[in-house]
Amino acid sequence: MNYSEKNKKAYDKICDDWQAFRSKTKVNTCIAEFARHIKSGGKILDIGCGTGYPIDSFLSAKGFKVLGIDISPGMIKKAESLKLDNADFQEANILNFQSQEKFDGIIAFDSLWHISLDEQYGLYKKLSALMKEGAYLLFTHGNRLGEVAGDMYGETFYYSALDTKEVHTLLSEAGLTVVNTFENYKEKTTGDRDLLLIARK
């Protein structure tokens, strides 16, 4: 079983616990601020959408067109059950995901760090290819080169990251300009993150 398949099975097993947790949280401040950069009615791709709440629920209520993708069919089923306006959900891995339509914004909150280390290097060109000119990208990540395993709700998850300097280089090579970089980002809603980064095409 590969890296992605292990995380997929782990997320399927915890999706009830994850839904119970997320249903009690507000939308992250950084997501609300990010949405102000996206044109009215714009299309947003949410990578690692989970149960669709609260991020996609918030974006839908703001009138954005939302496409949420996630590797876990259990999470997608829960997201679809929300029956959000202007929102669709699809079981997909971003590495294999294809779309005829480009997006005005991409959000990847706590998802890109599940991609294996060797696949991190081509990731940003993939994201850039899905973005319109002027589109924005927001993602959280680790900020140090390496691979780690961690436990959540009794299941083991695998993570990897490049260091922040290399991420900046890869974003630039992908035609993206860094707007803001926050290392050791403090987030009251869902806890702290090693890296929060916003870029624009």
C-alpha atoms as a PDB file:
ATOM      1  CA  MET A   1       0.000   0.000   0.000  1.00  0.00           C
ATOM      2  CA  ASN A   2       1.440   3.368  -0.987  1.00  0.00           C
ATOM      3  CA  TYR A   3       1.655   6.623   0.930  1.00  0.00           C
ATOM      4  CA  SER A   4      -1.613   8.019  -0.448  1.00  0.00           C
ATOM      5  CA  GLU A   5      -3.574   4.804   0.045  1.00  0.00           C
ATOM      6  CA  LYS A   6      -2.567   4.593   3.710  1.00  0.00           C
ATOM      7  CA  ASN A   7      -3.783   8.138   4.365  1.00  0.00           C
ATOM      8  CA  LYS A   8      -6.966   7.491   2.392  1.00  0.00           C
ATOM      9  CA  LYS A   9      -7.861   4.446   4.498  1.00  0.00           C
ATOM     10  CA  ALA A  10      -6.961   6.291   7.706  1.00  0.00           C
ATOM     11  CA  TYR A  11      -9.202   9.241   6.841  1.00  0.00           C
ATOM     12  CA  ASP A  12     -12.062   6.918   5.987  1.00  0.00           C
ATOM     13  CA  LYS A  13     -11.759   5.381   9.444  1.00  0.00           C
ATOM     14  CA  ILE A  14     -11.816   8.716  11.302  1.00  0.00           C
ATOM     15  CA  CYS A  15     -14.361  10.615   9.216  1.00  0.00           C
ATOM     16  CA  ASP A  16     -17.080  10.385  11.896  1.00  0.00           C
ATOM     17  CA  ASP A  17     -14.723  11.780  14.551  1.00  0.00           C
ATOM     18  CA  TRP A  18     -13.463  14.412  12.129  1.00  0.00           C
ATOM     19  CA  GLN A  19     -16.994  15.527  11.280  1.00  0.00           C
ATOM     20  CA  ALA A  20     -17.885  15.791  14.966  1.00  0.00           C
ATOM     21  CA  PHE A  21     -14.826  17.980  15.571  1.00  0.00           C
ATOM     22  CA  ARG A  22     -15.175  20.236  12.522  1.00  0.00           C
ATOM     23  CA  SER A  23     -18.916  20.738  13.023  1.00  0.00           C
ATOM     24  CA  LYS A  24     -18.053  22.662  16.194  1.00  0.00           C
ATOM     25  CA  THR A  25     -15.407  24.935  14.640  1.00  0.00           C
ATOM     26  CA  LYS A  26     -15.757  28.257  12.860  1.00  0.00           C
ATOM     27  CA  VAL A  27     -14.190  28.973   9.506  1.00  0.00           C
ATOM     28  CA  ASN A  28     -10.501  29.822   9.806  1.00  0.00           C
ATOM     29  CA  THR A  29      -9.712  33.532   9.830  1.00  0.00           C
ATOM     30  CA  CYS A  30      -7.182  33.087   7.048  1.00  0.00           C
ATOM     31  CA  ILE A  31      -9.841  31.487   4.812  1.00  0.00           C
ATOM     32  CA  ALA A  32     -12.271  34.354   5.383  1.00  0.00           C
ATOM     33  CA  GLU A  33      -9.548  36.875   4.549  1.00  0.00           C
ATOM     34  CA  PHE A  34      -8.459  34.883   1.496  1.00  0.00           C
ATOM     35  CA  ALA A  35     -12.021  34.875   0.135  1.00  0.00           C
ATOM     36  CA  ARG A  36     -11.924  38.678  -0.061  1.00  0.00           C
ATOM     37  CA  HIS A  37      -9.321  38.376  -2.833  1.00  0.00           C
ATOM     38  CA  ILE A  38     -11.583  36.223  -5.009  1.00  0.00           C
ATOM     39  CA  LYS A  39     -13.985  37.904  -7.422  1.00  0.00           C
ATOM     40  CA  SER A  40     -17.702  37.683  -6.724  1.00  0.00           C
ATOM     41  CA  GLY A  41     -19.062  34.370  -7.914  1.00  0.00           C
ATOM     42  CA  GLY A  42     -15.559  33.066  -8.617  1.00  0.00           C
ATOM     43  CA  LYS A  43     -14.744  29.369  -8.740  1.00  0.00           C
ATOM     44  CA  ILE A  44     -12.661  27.923  -5.906  1.00  0.00           C
ATOM     45  CA  LEU A  45     -10.992  24.524  -5.706  1.00  0.00           C
ATOM     46  CA  ASP A  46     -10.694  23.121  -2.182  1.00  0.00           C
ATOM     47  CA  ILE A  47      -8.016  20.422  -2.072  1.00  0.00           C
ATOM     48  CA  GLY A  48      -8.566  18.062   0.845  1.00  0.00           C
ATOM     49  CA  CYS A  49     -12.077  19.347   1.470  1.00  0.00           C
ATOM     50  CA  GLY A  50     -12.887  16.757   4.122  1.00  0.00           C
ATOM     51  CA  THR A  51     -16.521  16.902   5.203  1.00  0.00           C
ATOM     52  CA  GLY A  52     -17.072  20.266   3.509  1.00  0.00           C
ATOM     53  CA  TYR A  53     -17.630  22.085   6.790  1.00  0.00           C
ATOM     54  CA  PRO A  54     -16.877  24.787   7.698  1.00  0.00           C
ATOM     55  CA  ILE A  55     -14.734  25.955   4.742  1.00  0.00           C
ATOM     56  CA  ASP A  56     -16.915  24.974   1.787  1.00  0.00           C
ATOM     57  CA  SER A  57     -20.087  25.808   3.662  1.00  0.00           C
ATOM     58  CA  PHE A  58     -18.691  29.307   4.239  1.00  0.00           C
ATOM     59  CA  LEU A  59     -17.598  29.751   0.617  1.00  0.00           C
ATOM     60  CA  SER A  60     -20.933  28.511  -0.695  1.00  0.00           C
ATOM     61  CA  ALA A  61     -22.812  30.965   1.516  1.00  0.00           C
ATOM     62  CA  LYS A  62     -20.637  33.755   0.096  1.00  0.00           C
ATOM     63  CA  GLY A  63     -21.804  32.884  -3.421  1.00  0.00           C
ATOM     64  CA  PHE A  64     -18.628  31.256  -4.711  1.00  0.00           C
ATOM     65  CA  LYS A  65     -18.712  28.184  -6.935  1.00  0.00           C
ATOM     66  CA  VAL A  66     -16.903  25.462  -5.026  1.00  0.00           C
ATOM     67  CA  LEU A  67     -15.351  22.196  -6.105  1.00  0.00           C
ATOM     68  CA  GLY A  68     -14.083  20.142  -3.181  1.00  0.00           C
ATOM     69  CA  ILE A  69     -11.824  17.159  -3.771  1.00  0.00           C
ATOM     70  CA  ASP A  70     -10.585  14.619  -1.259  1.00  0.00           C
ATOM     71  CA  ILE A  71      -8.893  11.213  -1.361  1.00  0.00           C
ATOM     72  CA  SER A  72     -11.365   9.815   1.179  1.00  0.00           C
ATOM     73  CA  PRO A  73     -14.722   8.586  -0.165  1.00  0.00           C
ATOM     74  CA  GLY A  74     -16.092   8.704   3.372  1.00  0.00           C
ATOM     75  CA  MET A  75     -15.293  12.407   3.664  1.00  0.00           C
ATOM     76  CA  ILE A  76     -16.788  13.127   0.243  1.00  0.00           C
ATOM     77  CA  LYS A  77     -20.011  11.365   1.188  1.00  0.00           C
ATOM     78  CA  LYS A  78     -20.347  13.565   4.254  1.00  0.00           C
ATOM     79  CA  ALA A  79     -19.592  16.708   2.222  1.00  0.00           C
ATOM     80  CA  GLU A  80     -22.239  15.801  -0.361  1.00  0.00           C
ATOM     81  CA  SER A  81     -24.793  15.310   2.431  1.00  0.00           C
ATOM     82  CA  LEU A  82     -24.553  19.039   3.202  1.00  0.00           C
ATOM     83  CA  LYS A  83     -26.260  19.765  -0.148  1.00  0.00           C
ATOM     84  CA  LEU A  84     -24.505  23.117  -0.432  1.00  0.00           C
ATOM     85  CA  ASP A  85     -25.527  25.612  -3.102  1.00  0.00           C
ATOM     86  CA  ASN A  86     -23.025  26.008  -5.963  1.00  0.00           C
ATOM     87  CA  ALA A  87     -20.809  23.241  -4.542  1.00  0.00           C
ATOM     88  CA  ASP A  88     -19.731  19.912  -5.981  1.00  0.00           C
ATOM     89  CA  PHE A  89     -17.535  17.262  -4.405  1.00  0.00           C
ATOM     90  CA  GLN A  90     -15.359  14.644  -6.019  1.00  0.00           C
ATOM     91  CA  GLU A  91     -13.170  11.832  -4.762  1.00  0.00           C
ATOM     92  CA  ALA A  92      -9.783  12.651  -6.258  1.00  0.00           C
ATOM     93  CA  ASN A  93      -6.078  12.957  -5.566  1.00  0.00           C
ATOM     94  CA  ILE A  94      -4.753  16.355  -6.620  1.00  0.00           C
ATOM     95  CA  LEU A  95      -1.833  14.631  -8.363  1.00  0.00           C
ATOM     96  CA  ASN A  96      -4.252  12.936 -10.792  1.00  0.00           C
ATOM     97  CA  PHE A  97      -6.987  15.580 -10.806  1.00  0.00           C
ATOM     98  CA  GLN A  98      -7.853  17.233 -14.115  1.00  0.00           C
ATOM     99  CA  SER A  99     -10.247  20.040 -14.935  1.00  0.00           C
ATOM    100  CA  GLN A 100     -11.220  21.741 -18.179  1.00  0.00           C
ATOM    101  CA  GLU A 101     -12.059  24.870 -16.202  1.00  0.00           C
ATOM    102  CA  LYS A 102      -9.457  26.927 -14.379  1.00  0.00           C
ATOM    103  CA  PHE A 103     -10.025  28.362 -10.919  1.00  0.00           C
ATOM    104  CA  ASP A 104     -10.040  31.865  -9.429  1.00  0.00           C
ATOM    105  CA  GLY A 105      -8.755  30.489  -6.144  1.00  0.00           C
ATOM    106  CA  ILE A 106      -7.289  27.301  -4.711  1.00  0.00           C
ATOM    107  CA  ILE A 107      -7.334  26.389  -1.022  1.00  0.00           C
ATOM    108  CA  ALA A 108      -5.285  23.503   0.355  1.00  0.00           C
ATOM    109  CA  PHE A 109      -5.684  23.672   4.117  1.00  0.00           C
ATOM    110  CA  ASP A 110      -3.838  20.781   5.774  1.00  0.00           C
ATOM    111  CA  SER A 111      -3.700  18.618   2.648  1.00  0.00           C
ATOM    112  CA  LEU A 112      -0.515  19.160   0.628  1.00  0.00           C
ATOM    113  CA  TRP A 113       1.618  17.775   3.446  1.00  0.00           C
ATOM    114  CA  HIS A 114       0.100  14.353   2.811  1.00  0.00           C
ATOM    115  CA  ILE A 115       1.785  14.169  -0.601  1.00  0.00           C
ATOM    116  CA  SER A 116       4.931  12.047  -0.660  1.00  0.00           C
ATOM    117  CA  LEU A 117       8.242  13.852  -0.615  1.00  0.00           C
ATOM    118  CA  ASP A 118       9.332  12.946  -4.140  1.00  0.00           C
ATOM    119  CA  GLU A 119       6.019  14.262  -5.500  1.00  0.00           C
ATOM    120  CA  GLN A 120       6.277  17.602  -3.668  1.00  0.00           C
ATOM    121  CA  TYR A 121       8.679  18.971  -6.280  1.00  0.00           C
ATOM    122  CA  GLY A 122       6.216  18.951  -9.173  1.00  0.00           C
ATOM    123  CA  LEU A 123       3.224  19.970  -7.097  1.00  0.00           C
ATOM    124  CA  TYR A 124       3.229  23.733  -7.646  1.00  0.00           C
ATOM    125  CA  LYS A 125       3.363  23.534 -11.437  1.00  0.00           C
ATOM    126  CA  LYS A 126       0.319  21.281 -11.194  1.00  0.00           C
ATOM    127  CA  LEU A 127      -1.508  23.854  -9.058  1.00  0.00           C
ATOM    128  CA  SER A 128      -0.460  26.739 -11.299  1.00  0.00           C
ATOM    129  CA  ALA A 129      -1.854  24.950 -14.347  1.00  0.00           C
ATOM    130  CA  LEU A 130      -5.264  24.864 -12.629  1.00  0.00           C
ATOM    131  CA  MET A 131      -5.261  28.620 -11.891  1.00  0.00           C
ATOM    132  CA  LYS A 132      -6.474  31.535 -13.978  1.00  0.00           C
ATOM    133  CA  GLU A 133      -4.209  34.533 -14.392  1.00  0.00           C
ATOM    134  CA  GLY A 134      -4.634  36.628 -11.255  1.00  0.00           C
ATOM    135  CA  ALA A 135      -5.897  33.671  -9.232  1.00  0.00           C
ATOM    136  CA  TYR A 136      -4.834  33.155  -5.608  1.00  0.00           C
ATOM    137  CA  LEU A 137      -3.516  30.076  -3.814  1.00  0.00           C
ATOM    138  CA  LEU A 138      -3.606  29.516  -0.044  1.00  0.00           C
ATOM    139  CA  PHE A 139      -2.071  26.486   1.607  1.00  0.00           C
ATOM    140  CA  THR A 140      -0.707  25.269   4.905  1.00  0.00           C
ATOM    141  CA  HIS A 141       2.323  23.022   5.097  1.00  0.00           C
ATOM    142  CA  GLY A 142       5.373  21.989   7.040  1.00  0.00           C
ATOM    143  CA  ASN A 143       8.433  24.220   6.746  1.00  0.00           C
ATOM    144  CA  ARG A 144      11.281  21.727   7.114  1.00  0.00           C
ATOM    145  CA  LEU A 145      12.537  19.089   4.701  1.00  0.00           C
ATOM    146  CA  GLY A 146      11.547  15.606   5.750  1.00  0.00           C
ATOM    147  CA  GLU A 147       8.921  12.921   6.268  1.00  0.00           C
ATOM    148  CA  VAL A 148       7.111  12.144   9.511  1.00  0.00           C
ATOM    149  CA  ALA A 149       4.245  10.022  10.810  1.00  0.00           C
ATOM    150  CA  GLY A 150       1.661  11.184  13.314  1.00  0.00           C
ATOM    151  CA  ASP A 151      -1.430   9.800  15.024  1.00  0.00           C
ATOM    152  CA  MET A 152      -4.947  11.206  14.975  1.00  0.00           C
ATOM    153  CA  TYR A 153      -8.015   9.503  16.463  1.00  0.00           C
ATOM    154  CA  GLY A 154      -6.000   6.299  16.771  1.00  0.00           C
ATOM    155  CA  GLU A 155      -4.924   6.178  13.119  1.00  0.00           C
ATOM    156  CA  THR A 156      -1.460   6.851  11.686  1.00  0.00           C
ATOM    157  CA  PHE A 157      -1.001   9.523   9.010  1.00  0.00           C
ATOM    158  CA  TYR A 158       2.034  10.236   6.867  1.00  0.00           C
ATOM    159  CA  TYR A 159       3.343  13.725   6.128  1.00  0.00           C
ATOM    160  CA  SER A 160       6.171  15.278   4.154  1.00  0.00           C
ATOM    161  CA  ALA A 161       7.434  18.772   3.427  1.00  0.00           C
ATOM    162  CA  LEU A 162      10.172  20.773   1.786  1.00  0.00           C
ATOM    163  CA  ASP A 163      11.809  23.695   3.517  1.00  0.00           C
ATOM    164  CA  THR A 164      10.203  27.096   2.996  1.00  0.00           C
ATOM    165  CA  LYS A 165      13.009  28.486   0.840  1.00  0.00           C
ATOM    166  CA  GLU A 166      12.647  25.629  -1.633  1.00  0.00           C
ATOM    167  CA  VAL A 167       8.882  26.059  -1.716  1.00  0.00           C
ATOM    168  CA  HIS A 168       9.408  29.718  -2.638  1.00  0.00           C
ATOM    169  CA  THR A 169      11.709  28.661  -5.476  1.00  0.00           C
ATOM    170  CA  LEU A 170       9.243  26.092  -6.799  1.00  0.00           C
ATOM    171  CA  LEU A 171       6.374  28.588  -6.665  1.00  0.00           C
ATOM    172  CA  SER A 172       8.410  31.074  -8.671  1.00  0.00           C
ATOM    173  CA  GLU A 173       9.330  28.423 -11.234  1.00  0.00           C
ATOM    174  CA  ALA A 174       5.618  27.644 -11.546  1.00  0.00           C
ATOM    175  CA  GLY A 175       4.802  31.269 -12.382  1.00  0.00           C
ATOM    176  CA  LEU A 176       3.399  32.119  -8.962  1.00  0.00           C
ATOM    177  CA  THR A 177       4.317  35.155  -6.872  1.00  0.00           C
ATOM    178  CA  VAL A 178       4.415  34.838  -3.095  1.00  0.00           C
ATOM    179  CA  VAL A 179       2.058  37.367  -1.483  1.00  0.00           C
ATOM    180  CA  ASN A 180       2.504  36.390   2.164  1.00  0.00           C
ATOM    181  CA  THR A 181       4.481  33.790   4.073  1.00  0.00           C
ATOM    182  CA  PHE A 182       3.736  33.057   7.713  1.00  0.00           C
ATOM    183  CA  GLU A 183       5.981  30.602   9.521  1.00  0.00           C
ATOM    184  CA  ASN A 184       4.793  29.336  12.922  1.00  0.00           C
ATOM    185  CA  TYR A 185       1.337  30.651  12.064  1.00  0.00           C
ATOM    186  CA  LYS A 186      -0.990  30.969  15.051  1.00  0.00           C
ATOM    187  CA  GLU A 187      -4.550  29.897  14.332  1.00  0.00           C
ATOM    188  CA  LYS A 188      -7.104  29.966  17.138  1.00  0.00           C
ATOM    189  CA  THR A 189      -9.667  27.956  15.211  1.00  0.00           C
ATOM    190  CA  THR A 190      -7.774  24.742  14.478  1.00  0.00           C
ATOM    191  CA  GLY A 191      -4.356  25.207  16.043  1.00  0.00           C
ATOM    192  CA  ASP A 192      -0.947  26.403  14.910  1.00  0.00           C
ATOM    193  CA  ARG A 193       0.740  25.614  11.587  1.00  0.00           C
ATOM    194  CA  ASP A 194       4.420  25.534  10.628  1.00  0.00           C
ATOM    195  CA  LEU A 195       3.660  27.379   7.398  1.00  0.00           C
ATOM    196  CA  LEU A 196       0.801  29.359   5.860  1.00  0.00           C
ATOM    197  CA  LEU A 197       1.499  30.706   2.413  1.00  0.00           C
ATOM    198  CA  ILE A 198      -0.501  32.803  -0.055  1.00  0.00           C
ATOM    199  CA  ALA A 199       0.577  33.164  -3.679  1.00  0.00           C
ATOM    200  CA  ARG A 200      -0.861  34.748  -6.839  1.00  0.00           C
ATOM    201  CA  LYS A 201      -0.562  33.822 -10.475  1.00  0.00           C
END
